[in-house]
């Protein structure tokens, strides 16, 4: 047993947390964890089953006197993000995670900790073992591949879970109860590249947008940060009056990130060069003023480039491309009427790139309301199609619409106040949780999500705050005791 957890409460949770740390479980390689959960359940005399994907469900009967209480499912995922510091030698398919205690936190030695979502797995195993607890009939759902594809939750079969109430244990802020998340879908446009020789008597140049913060396309979409692709497109439109010809354009690198940088190679008539430089200087001042509070370091520049005379995009395609990018919405399109401050629906102009055969754009739409994902995807797709592009879509994932009348939420709020003398914060997140998928597959599921406090997840800086684990544990046991 790891010395890092000696003396920590609750003992059973930390015991299992340390045991899990010794079992390799990067996403898509959870076989050993599936086997461990099944073996543990059987050793405790509990019914357990697994499916062909590696998901596991375990059942535990009610404690005496609670047989008529609703069945509740406690859910978490078996996989973890596998990241190590530069220079750290660690084989995530073979080596155990080394736990380290630093003050009030548990971390790993140079790698991700796996508290996301090992704390849920450890919690479930502890409740499975502890016969002293008061609770109604329980199911424990362990899913696979949450971090890279949500495929475990997506492939849950009908009847695999019997409960109609679920508590997801994959949130990262003690004292907060999450009741909603967004779903999402990517929309990608492609134009067949059409080139011709660059005009004579022109100067090749780089138009660059840099200095932006970017950020997560869900969590930071409401911050008003600049989008490098959209700003670059405006700069190119400003140069249109000077006869600019576009040769190459690229910006952004991830579908779920607001692009921080973008660049275009253009050709401008020599006699219009000075006027074009002045126009970009003016545009830079205007664009900086628009977002100076949130993105003060924006820089839009036009500089002559030493490149061989090349090809430019044909005029008709260039016009369609710039008009399309200009028409695309970016940012928040609707705020929630149920939860103040929550983004309900948004879209992100994420990536643009040019190669020999095509010009491609990737956008990402999110909403906590399924019908609104359909609507915003339709809006973006329509603009692409009007611009002459071929449009494709990713599989997407469903959102989880907040239900402030949730019965399990009422029990949780009352329990938290009873235990700690204050109201918990009720929140939703403009990002994905497995609750969205599970709620869609199992209609009528009453759900909340909560957990202890974690920081730095998905990185070697990941840590779990020791004191919040006991508070979270007592909160969970209180809900199980008070449920009816």
Protein backbone atom coordinates (compact mmCIF):
# COMPACT_ATOMS: atom_id res chain seq x y z
CA UNK A 1 0.00 0.00 0.00
CA UNK A 2 1.32 3.46 -0.86
CA UNK A 3 2.67 5.44 2.09
CA UNK A 4 1.19 8.59 0.50
CA UNK A 5 -2.30 7.62 1.67
CA UNK A 6 -1.47 6.49 5.23
CA UNK A 7 -3.94 7.87 7.74
CA UNK A 8 -6.24 9.43 5.14
CA UNK A 9 -10.02 9.30 5.54
CA UNK A 10 -12.18 7.63 4.39
CA UNK A 11 -9.87 4.65 4.55
CA UNK A 12 -11.70 2.41 2.09
CA UNK A 13 -11.81 5.07 -0.63
CA UNK A 14 -8.09 5.75 -0.35
CA UNK A 15 -7.30 2.04 -0.17
CA UNK A 16 -9.00 1.42 -3.47
CA UNK A 17 -7.58 4.63 -4.97
CA UNK A 18 -4.07 3.33 -4.26
CA UNK A 19 -4.90 -0.09 -5.67
CA UNK A 20 -6.31 1.43 -8.86
CA UNK A 21 -3.15 3.52 -9.26
CA UNK A 22 -1.22 0.27 -9.73
CA UNK A 23 -3.40 -0.86 -12.65
CA UNK A 24 -2.61 0.59 -16.10
CA UNK A 25 -5.75 2.13 -17.61
CA UNK A 26 -5.10 4.66 -20.38
CA UNK A 27 -8.11 5.23 -22.62
CA UNK A 28 -8.87 2.29 -24.89
CA UNK A 29 -6.74 0.03 -22.67
CA UNK A 30 -9.04 -0.59 -19.69
CA UNK A 31 -9.08 -4.40 -19.89
CA UNK A 32 -7.20 -4.86 -16.61
CA UNK A 33 -9.54 -2.46 -14.83
CA UNK A 34 -12.63 -4.19 -16.16
CA UNK A 35 -11.24 -7.49 -14.90
CA UNK A 36 -10.33 -5.94 -11.52
CA UNK A 37 -13.83 -4.54 -10.95
CA UNK A 38 -15.47 -7.82 -11.96
CA UNK A 39 -13.15 -9.83 -9.70
CA UNK A 40 -13.69 -7.47 -6.76
CA UNK A 41 -17.47 -7.56 -7.15
CA UNK A 42 -17.52 -11.36 -7.20
CA UNK A 43 -15.23 -11.55 -4.16
CA UNK A 44 -17.78 -9.38 -2.31
CA UNK A 45 -20.63 -11.65 -3.37
CA UNK A 46 -22.22 -9.03 -5.65
CA UNK A 47 -23.86 -9.54 -9.02
CA UNK A 48 -21.78 -8.09 -11.84
CA UNK A 49 -21.82 -8.13 -15.61
CA UNK A 50 -19.74 -6.65 -18.41
CA UNK A 51 -20.45 -6.02 -22.07
CA UNK A 52 -18.22 -6.52 -25.10
CA UNK A 53 -16.91 -2.95 -24.79
CA UNK A 54 -15.65 -3.39 -21.21
CA UNK A 55 -18.37 -1.44 -19.38
CA UNK A 56 -19.33 -3.00 -16.04
CA UNK A 57 -22.48 -2.89 -13.91
CA UNK A 58 -22.50 -4.17 -10.33
CA UNK A 59 -25.61 -4.49 -8.13
CA UNK A 60 -25.81 -4.27 -4.36
CA UNK A 61 -28.98 -4.97 -2.40
CA UNK A 62 -30.53 -2.38 -0.08
CA UNK A 63 -29.52 -2.23 3.55
CA UNK A 64 -32.22 -3.41 6.02
CA UNK A 65 -35.18 -1.04 6.13
CA UNK A 66 -34.36 0.63 2.79
CA UNK A 67 -35.67 -2.05 0.45
CA UNK A 68 -38.43 0.20 -0.95
CA UNK A 69 -36.16 3.16 -1.73
CA UNK A 70 -35.60 4.02 -5.40
CA UNK A 71 -32.67 2.26 -7.06
CA UNK A 72 -29.76 4.64 -7.65
CA UNK A 73 -26.88 4.23 -10.08
CA UNK A 74 -23.44 5.61 -9.14
CA UNK A 75 -21.36 6.18 -12.27
CA UNK A 76 -17.77 6.91 -13.21
CA UNK A 77 -15.30 5.98 -15.95
CA UNK A 78 -12.44 3.50 -15.77
CA UNK A 79 -9.96 5.19 -18.12
CA UNK A 80 -7.51 8.01 -17.48
CA UNK A 81 -5.54 10.50 -19.55
CA UNK A 82 -1.94 9.35 -19.99
CA UNK A 83 0.47 12.29 -19.87
CA UNK A 84 3.99 12.54 -18.45
CA UNK A 85 6.44 15.38 -17.94
CA UNK A 86 9.20 15.76 -20.50
CA UNK A 87 12.03 13.45 -19.53
CA UNK A 88 9.84 11.27 -17.30
CA UNK A 89 10.19 7.62 -18.26
CA UNK A 90 6.81 5.95 -17.77
CA UNK A 91 5.04 3.21 -19.71
CA UNK A 92 1.33 3.76 -19.12
CA UNK A 93 0.57 0.25 -20.39
CA UNK A 94 2.80 -1.36 -17.77
CA UNK A 95 3.94 0.98 -15.01
CA UNK A 96 1.92 1.90 -11.90
CA UNK A 97 1.16 5.51 -11.01
CA UNK A 98 3.39 6.63 -8.13
CA UNK A 99 1.35 8.56 -5.56
CA UNK A 100 2.93 11.55 -3.78
CA UNK A 101 1.46 13.54 -0.90
CA UNK A 102 2.11 17.29 -0.96
CA UNK A 103 0.44 19.06 1.93
CA UNK A 104 -3.31 18.81 1.44
CA UNK A 105 -3.02 17.18 -1.98
CA UNK A 106 -2.24 13.85 -3.58
CA UNK A 107 -0.37 14.02 -6.89
CA UNK A 108 1.58 11.62 -9.09
CA UNK A 109 5.32 11.59 -9.60
CA UNK A 110 5.70 13.25 -12.99
CA UNK A 111 2.55 11.85 -14.59
CA UNK A 112 -1.18 12.35 -14.61
CA UNK A 113 -2.74 11.11 -11.38
CA UNK A 114 -5.88 9.50 -12.75
CA UNK A 115 -8.11 11.00 -10.05
CA UNK A 116 -10.19 11.84 -13.11
CA UNK A 117 -12.01 9.50 -12.74
CA UNK A 118 -10.25 7.11 -10.37
CA UNK A 119 -11.88 8.80 -7.40
CA UNK A 120 -15.31 7.71 -8.67
CA UNK A 121 -14.11 4.16 -9.25
CA UNK A 122 -12.58 4.03 -5.76
CA UNK A 123 -15.75 5.47 -4.25
CA UNK A 124 -17.93 2.86 -5.92
CA UNK A 125 -15.66 0.02 -4.83
CA UNK A 126 -15.65 1.33 -1.24
CA UNK A 127 -19.45 1.46 -1.12
CA UNK A 128 -19.62 -2.00 -2.66
CA UNK A 129 -17.48 -3.34 0.21
CA UNK A 130 -18.84 -1.39 3.18
CA UNK A 131 -21.75 -3.28 4.76
CA UNK A 132 -22.36 -0.67 7.46
CA UNK A 133 -23.86 1.95 5.13
CA UNK A 134 -27.54 2.89 4.87
CA UNK A 135 -28.86 2.90 1.33
CA UNK A 136 -31.50 1.63 -1.02
CA UNK A 137 -30.76 -0.78 -3.88
CA UNK A 138 -27.69 0.35 -5.80
CA UNK A 139 -26.14 -0.08 -9.21
CA UNK A 140 -22.53 0.86 -9.94
CA UNK A 141 -21.80 1.73 -13.57
CA UNK A 142 -18.17 1.76 -14.73
CA UNK A 143 -17.71 3.00 -18.31
CA UNK A 144 -14.70 2.89 -20.62
CA UNK A 145 -13.04 5.33 -23.01
CA UNK A 146 -14.61 8.51 -21.69
CA UNK A 147 -11.53 10.63 -22.33
CA UNK A 148 -10.98 9.97 -26.03
CA UNK A 149 -14.31 9.00 -27.51
CA UNK A 150 -17.09 8.54 -24.95
CA UNK A 151 -17.50 5.16 -26.62
CA UNK A 152 -18.31 3.26 -23.45
CA UNK A 153 -21.34 5.39 -22.64
CA UNK A 154 -22.30 5.61 -26.32
CA UNK A 155 -22.45 1.83 -26.62
CA UNK A 156 -24.46 1.05 -23.48
CA UNK A 157 -27.11 -1.46 -24.42
CA UNK A 158 -30.80 -1.34 -23.56
CA UNK A 159 -31.42 -2.81 -20.11
CA UNK A 160 -27.75 -2.81 -19.12
CA UNK A 161 -28.67 -0.33 -16.35
CA UNK A 162 -31.98 -0.69 -14.51
CA UNK A 163 -31.93 2.51 -12.39
CA UNK A 164 -33.89 5.65 -13.27
CA UNK A 165 -31.80 7.84 -10.97
CA UNK A 166 -28.07 8.39 -11.45
CA UNK A 167 -25.28 10.25 -9.71
CA UNK A 168 -22.27 10.85 -11.95
CA UNK A 169 -19.12 11.24 -9.81
CA UNK A 170 -16.98 12.98 -12.45
CA UNK A 171 -17.13 16.64 -11.44
CA UNK A 172 -14.19 18.48 -9.94
CA UNK A 173 -15.39 21.13 -7.51
CA UNK A 174 -16.56 20.13 -4.02
CA UNK A 175 -19.65 22.07 -2.98
CA UNK A 176 -21.00 22.27 -6.53
CA UNK A 177 -23.73 20.11 -8.05
CA UNK A 178 -23.86 19.96 -11.82
CA UNK A 179 -27.23 19.49 -13.50
CA UNK A 180 -26.47 20.06 -17.16
CA UNK A 181 -23.84 20.02 -19.87
CA UNK A 182 -23.64 20.78 -23.54
CA UNK A 183 -23.69 18.40 -26.43
CA UNK A 184 -21.73 19.07 -29.56
CA UNK A 185 -21.14 18.40 -33.23
CA UNK A 186 -18.51 19.41 -35.75
CA UNK A 187 -19.36 20.82 -39.18
CA UNK A 188 -16.59 20.69 -41.80
CA UNK A 189 -16.61 22.45 -45.16
CA UNK A 190 -14.41 21.75 -48.14
CA UNK A 191 -13.89 23.62 -51.40
CA UNK A 192 -12.01 22.07 -54.32
CA UNK A 193 -8.85 24.15 -54.71
CA UNK A 194 -8.69 26.15 -57.95
CA UNK A 195 -5.44 28.00 -58.65
CA UNK A 196 -3.96 30.20 -61.37
CA UNK A 197 -0.65 32.00 -61.79
CA UNK A 198 -0.04 35.01 -59.54
CA UNK A 199 -0.53 38.28 -61.44
CA UNK A 200 2.46 40.22 -62.72
CA UNK A 201 3.61 43.41 -61.01
CA UNK A 202 2.56 42.20 -57.58
CA UNK A 203 4.26 41.89 -54.22
CA UNK A 204 3.96 38.68 -52.22
CA UNK A 205 3.12 39.25 -48.55
CA UNK A 206 2.13 37.64 -45.28
CA UNK A 207 -0.97 38.80 -43.45
CA UNK A 208 -0.71 37.57 -39.88
CA UNK A 209 -2.96 37.61 -36.83
CA UNK A 210 -1.22 36.82 -33.53
CA UNK A 211 -1.18 37.61 -29.81
CA UNK A 212 -4.62 36.22 -28.96
CA UNK A 213 -5.37 34.08 -25.91
CA UNK A 214 -7.61 31.54 -27.62
CA UNK A 215 -9.04 29.01 -25.18
CA UNK A 216 -11.49 26.13 -24.85
CA UNK A 217 -14.33 26.54 -27.32
CA UNK A 218 -16.86 25.69 -24.62
CA UNK A 219 -15.52 27.01 -21.35
CA UNK A 220 -14.10 30.27 -22.77
CA UNK A 221 -16.56 30.92 -25.58
CA UNK A 222 -18.38 33.57 -23.54
CA UNK A 223 -15.24 35.57 -22.68
CA UNK A 224 -15.33 37.70 -25.84
CA UNK A 225 -11.85 36.63 -26.91
CA UNK A 226 -10.73 37.25 -30.45
CA UNK A 227 -10.96 34.57 -33.12
CA UNK A 228 -7.84 34.69 -35.31
CA UNK A 229 -9.56 33.15 -38.36
CA UNK A 230 -12.42 35.64 -38.28
CA UNK A 231 -10.07 38.58 -37.74
CA UNK A 232 -7.80 37.45 -40.59
CA UNK A 233 -10.79 37.22 -42.87
CA UNK A 234 -11.75 40.81 -42.00
CA UNK A 235 -8.20 41.91 -42.77
CA UNK A 236 -8.37 40.23 -46.18
CA UNK A 237 -11.71 41.91 -46.88
CA UNK A 238 -10.07 45.24 -45.99
CA UNK A 239 -7.44 44.50 -48.65
CA UNK A 240 -10.01 43.54 -51.26
CA UNK A 241 -10.32 47.14 -52.41
CA UNK A 242 -6.60 47.06 -53.34
CA UNK A 243 -6.91 43.99 -55.55
CA UNK A 244 -5.56 41.42 -53.07
CA UNK A 245 -5.16 37.90 -54.39
CA UNK A 246 -5.16 35.06 -51.90
CA UNK A 247 -2.64 32.26 -52.30
CA UNK A 248 -2.76 30.33 -49.03
CA UNK A 249 -4.69 30.63 -45.76
CA UNK A 250 -4.43 28.72 -42.47
CA UNK A 251 -5.36 29.21 -38.83
CA UNK A 252 -6.32 27.25 -35.73
CA UNK A 253 -5.39 23.61 -35.05
CA UNK A 254 -8.13 22.02 -32.90
CA UNK A 255 -11.89 21.73 -33.35
CA UNK A 256 -12.49 22.50 -29.66
CA UNK A 257 -10.19 25.52 -29.35
CA UNK A 258 -10.70 29.18 -30.26
CA UNK A 259 -7.93 29.89 -32.81
CA UNK A 260 -5.13 32.08 -31.47
CA UNK A 261 -3.16 32.60 -34.68
CA UNK A 262 -3.87 32.71 -38.41
CA UNK A 263 -1.91 33.61 -41.52
CA UNK A 264 -2.42 34.17 -45.24
CA UNK A 265 -0.05 34.47 -48.16
CA UNK A 266 -1.32 37.13 -50.57
CA UNK A 267 -0.25 39.07 -53.64
CA UNK A 268 -0.87 42.82 -53.91
CA UNK A 269 -0.32 45.20 -56.85
CA UNK A 270 2.97 47.07 -56.41
CA UNK A 271 1.30 50.44 -57.01
CA UNK A 272 -1.21 49.74 -54.23
CA UNK A 273 1.31 48.46 -51.67
CA UNK A 274 1.65 51.58 -49.52
CA UNK A 275 -2.10 52.11 -49.39
CA UNK A 276 -2.59 48.46 -48.41
CA UNK A 277 -0.05 48.74 -45.57
CA UNK A 278 -1.85 51.81 -44.28
CA UNK A 279 -5.22 50.03 -44.48
CA UNK A 280 -3.95 47.12 -42.37
CA UNK A 281 -2.47 49.50 -39.80
CA UNK A 282 -5.87 51.17 -39.48
CA UNK A 283 -7.64 47.83 -39.27
CA UNK A 284 -5.24 46.64 -36.59
CA UNK A 285 -6.09 49.69 -34.46
CA UNK A 286 -9.82 49.09 -34.92
CA UNK A 287 -9.63 45.38 -34.12
CA UNK A 288 -7.43 45.95 -31.05
CA UNK A 289 -9.88 48.55 -29.72
CA UNK A 290 -12.77 46.11 -30.08
CA UNK A 291 -11.24 43.45 -27.80
CA UNK A 292 -8.57 45.37 -25.86
CA UNK A 293 -10.06 44.48 -22.47
CA UNK A 294 -9.95 40.72 -22.99
CA UNK A 295 -7.26 40.34 -25.68
CA UNK A 296 -4.90 43.31 -25.38
CA UNK A 297 -2.00 41.75 -27.32
CA UNK A 298 -3.69 41.32 -30.70
CA UNK A 299 -1.44 42.16 -33.65
CA UNK A 300 -2.52 42.23 -37.30
CA UNK A 301 0.39 42.74 -39.66
CA UNK A 302 1.18 42.92 -43.37
CA UNK A 303 4.76 42.21 -44.39
CA UNK A 304 6.38 41.60 -47.76
CA UNK A 305 7.48 38.00 -48.23
CA UNK A 306 10.42 36.57 -50.12
CA UNK A 307 8.67 33.75 -51.92
CA UNK A 308 8.84 32.46 -55.46
CA UNK A 309 6.11 33.61 -57.77
CA UNK A 310 3.43 31.06 -57.14
CA UNK A 311 -0.23 30.47 -57.61
CA UNK A 312 -3.29 32.30 -56.33
CA UNK A 313 -6.79 31.07 -55.71
CA UNK A 314 -9.11 31.87 -58.59
CA UNK A 315 -11.13 35.05 -58.09
CA UNK A 316 -14.52 33.36 -57.97
CA UNK A 317 -13.44 30.91 -55.27
CA UNK A 318 -11.67 33.64 -53.31
CA UNK A 319 -14.85 35.71 -53.27
CA UNK A 320 -16.96 32.76 -52.09
CA UNK A 321 -14.43 31.82 -49.41
CA UNK A 322 -14.10 35.29 -47.87
CA UNK A 323 -17.86 35.86 -47.99
CA UNK A 324 -18.52 32.51 -46.32
CA UNK A 325 -16.06 33.04 -43.46
CA UNK A 326 -17.44 36.53 -43.00
CA UNK A 327 -20.99 35.21 -42.74
CA UNK A 328 -20.20 32.41 -40.29
CA UNK A 329 -21.33 33.10 -36.71
CA UNK A 330 -18.80 32.65 -33.92
CA UNK A 331 -19.40 32.74 -30.18
CA UNK A 332 -22.49 32.57 -27.98
CA UNK A 333 -25.80 32.38 -29.80
CA UNK A 334 -28.05 31.82 -26.78
CA UNK A 335 -27.80 32.01 -22.98
CA UNK A 336 -29.74 29.70 -20.69
CA UNK A 337 -33.04 30.97 -19.32
CA UNK A 338 -32.85 28.42 -16.48
CA UNK A 339 -29.38 29.03 -15.08
CA UNK A 340 -28.06 32.63 -15.02
CA UNK A 341 -24.69 33.01 -16.70
CA UNK A 342 -24.75 29.62 -18.45
CA UNK A 343 -24.08 29.51 -22.17
CA UNK A 344 -26.75 27.35 -23.73
CA UNK A 345 -25.70 27.38 -27.39
CA UNK A 346 -22.54 28.45 -29.21
CA UNK A 347 -20.47 27.91 -32.33
CA UNK A 348 -16.73 28.10 -32.91
CA UNK A 349 -14.98 28.89 -36.19
CA UNK A 350 -12.05 26.64 -35.38
CA UNK A 351 -9.68 25.71 -38.22
CA UNK A 352 -8.95 26.72 -41.80
CA UNK A 353 -6.24 25.18 -43.97
CA UNK A 354 -5.13 25.08 -47.60
CA UNK A 355 -3.48 22.23 -49.48
CA UNK A 356 -2.98 21.34 -53.14
CA UNK A 357 -6.41 19.82 -53.53
CA UNK A 358 -8.76 21.61 -51.14
CA UNK A 359 -9.46 24.47 -48.76
CA UNK A 360 -11.00 23.08 -45.58
CA UNK A 361 -12.78 24.68 -42.63
CA UNK A 362 -13.70 23.03 -39.34
CA UNK A 363 -16.33 24.49 -37.02
CA UNK A 364 -17.75 23.19 -33.73
CA UNK A 365 -21.27 23.69 -32.40
CA UNK A 366 -22.40 23.13 -28.78
CA UNK A 367 -25.69 23.28 -26.89
CA UNK A 368 -27.29 21.80 -23.79
CA UNK A 369 -30.54 21.49 -25.77
CA UNK A 370 -30.61 18.81 -28.48
CA UNK A 371 -32.94 20.71 -30.79
CA UNK A 372 -30.70 23.77 -30.63
CA UNK A 373 -27.66 21.74 -31.74
CA UNK A 374 -29.70 20.74 -34.78
CA UNK A 375 -30.60 24.38 -35.41
CA UNK A 376 -27.10 25.86 -35.07
CA UNK A 377 -25.60 23.03 -37.16
CA UNK A 378 -28.23 23.77 -39.83
CA UNK A 379 -27.35 27.48 -39.74
CA UNK A 380 -23.63 26.84 -40.20
CA UNK A 381 -24.20 24.18 -42.86
CA UNK A 382 -26.52 26.47 -44.82
CA UNK A 383 -23.90 29.21 -44.94
CA UNK A 384 -21.29 26.74 -46.13
CA UNK A 385 -23.58 25.38 -48.83
CA UNK A 386 -24.53 28.88 -50.03
CA UNK A 387 -20.78 29.48 -50.31
CA UNK A 388 -20.40 26.48 -52.60
CA UNK A 389 -18.74 24.14 -50.11
CA UNK A 390 -19.28 20.44 -49.52
CA UNK A 391 -20.31 19.89 -45.89
CA UNK A 392 -19.75 16.89 -43.62
CA UNK A 393 -20.45 16.33 -39.93
CA UNK A 394 -18.93 14.39 -37.05
CA UNK A 395 -20.98 11.92 -35.05
CA UNK A 396 -21.41 14.42 -32.22
CA UNK A 397 -22.55 13.83 -28.67
CA UNK A 398 -25.78 14.85 -26.90
CA UNK A 399 -26.25 17.57 -24.30
CA UNK A 400 -27.88 17.34 -20.90
CA UNK A 401 -30.60 19.94 -20.36
CA UNK A 402 -30.77 21.20 -16.76
CA UNK A 403 -33.78 20.04 -14.75
CA UNK A 404 -34.07 22.23 -11.68
CA UNK A 405 -37.11 20.21 -10.55
CA UNK A 406 -35.02 17.02 -10.33
CA UNK A 407 -35.97 14.86 -7.35
CA UNK A 408 -32.39 13.73 -6.69
CA UNK A 409 -31.25 17.36 -6.86
CA UNK A 410 -33.75 18.28 -4.13
CA UNK A 411 -32.40 15.49 -1.92
CA UNK A 412 -28.81 16.52 -2.63
CA UNK A 413 -29.37 20.19 -1.85
CA UNK A 414 -31.14 19.41 1.43
CA UNK A 415 -28.43 16.93 2.40
CA UNK A 416 -25.59 19.34 1.73
CA UNK A 417 -27.23 22.08 3.78
CA UNK A 418 -27.93 19.63 6.59
CA UNK A 419 -24.29 18.53 6.66
CA UNK A 420 -22.47 21.80 6.07
CA UNK A 421 -24.92 24.55 6.94
CA UNK A 422 -24.94 26.20 3.52
CA UNK A 423 -26.47 25.73 0.11
CA UNK A 424 -24.40 24.00 -2.56
CA UNK A 425 -23.89 25.78 -5.87
CA UNK A 426 -26.07 24.36 -8.63
CA UNK A 427 -24.30 24.63 -11.98
CA UNK A 428 -24.14 23.46 -15.55
CA UNK A 429 -21.12 23.33 -17.81
CA UNK A 430 -20.78 24.30 -21.47
CA UNK A 431 -18.76 21.16 -22.19
CA UNK A 432 -19.45 17.44 -22.41
CA UNK A 433 -20.20 14.89 -19.66
CA UNK A 434 -21.27 11.26 -19.98
CA UNK A 435 -24.61 12.32 -18.48
CA UNK A 436 -25.62 13.72 -21.86
CA UNK A 437 -25.13 10.41 -23.62
CA UNK A 438 -26.60 8.30 -20.82
CA UNK A 439 -29.62 10.57 -20.52
CA UNK A 440 -30.33 10.26 -24.24
CA UNK A 441 -29.97 6.47 -24.25
CA UNK A 442 -31.99 5.99 -21.06
CA UNK A 443 -34.92 8.35 -21.33
CA UNK A 444 -36.27 9.69 -18.05
CA UNK A 445 -33.01 9.24 -16.12
CA UNK A 446 -32.89 11.73 -13.21
CA UNK A 447 -29.25 12.83 -12.86
CA UNK A 448 -26.80 15.03 -11.00
CA UNK A 449 -23.01 15.17 -11.06
CA UNK A 450 -20.55 16.09 -8.30
CA UNK A 451 -17.17 15.20 -6.86
CA UNK A 452 -14.24 16.34 -4.70
CA UNK A 453 -11.94 19.16 -5.81
CA UNK A 454 -9.40 18.35 -8.50
CA UNK A 455 -7.01 20.65 -10.33
CA UNK A 456 -4.77 20.29 -13.35
CA UNK A 457 -6.59 17.25 -14.73
CA UNK A 458 -5.27 15.83 -18.00
CA UNK A 459 -1.77 17.04 -17.09
CA UNK A 460 1.09 15.93 -14.80
CA UNK A 461 0.02 18.79 -12.51
CA UNK A 462 -3.18 16.92 -11.66
CA UNK A 463 -3.97 16.91 -7.95
CA UNK A 464 -6.82 15.97 -5.65
CA UNK A 465 -7.46 17.91 -2.44
CA UNK A 466 -7.47 15.50 0.48
CA UNK A 467 -9.89 17.36 2.74
CA UNK A 468 -12.53 17.56 -0.01
CA UNK A 469 -12.61 13.79 -0.46
CA UNK A 470 -14.06 13.20 3.01
CA UNK A 471 -16.61 15.99 2.52
CA UNK A 472 -17.64 14.54 -0.83
CA UNK A 473 -17.85 11.03 0.67
CA UNK A 474 -20.06 12.13 3.55
CA UNK A 475 -22.23 14.10 1.13
CA UNK A 476 -22.71 11.07 -1.09
CA UNK A 477 -23.53 8.79 1.85
CA UNK A 478 -25.97 11.39 3.14
CA UNK A 479 -27.82 11.44 -0.17
CA UNK A 480 -28.03 7.64 -0.21
CA UNK A 481 -29.37 7.65 3.35
CA UNK A 482 -31.92 10.40 2.71
CA UNK A 483 -33.18 9.19 -0.68
CA UNK A 484 -36.69 7.79 -0.74
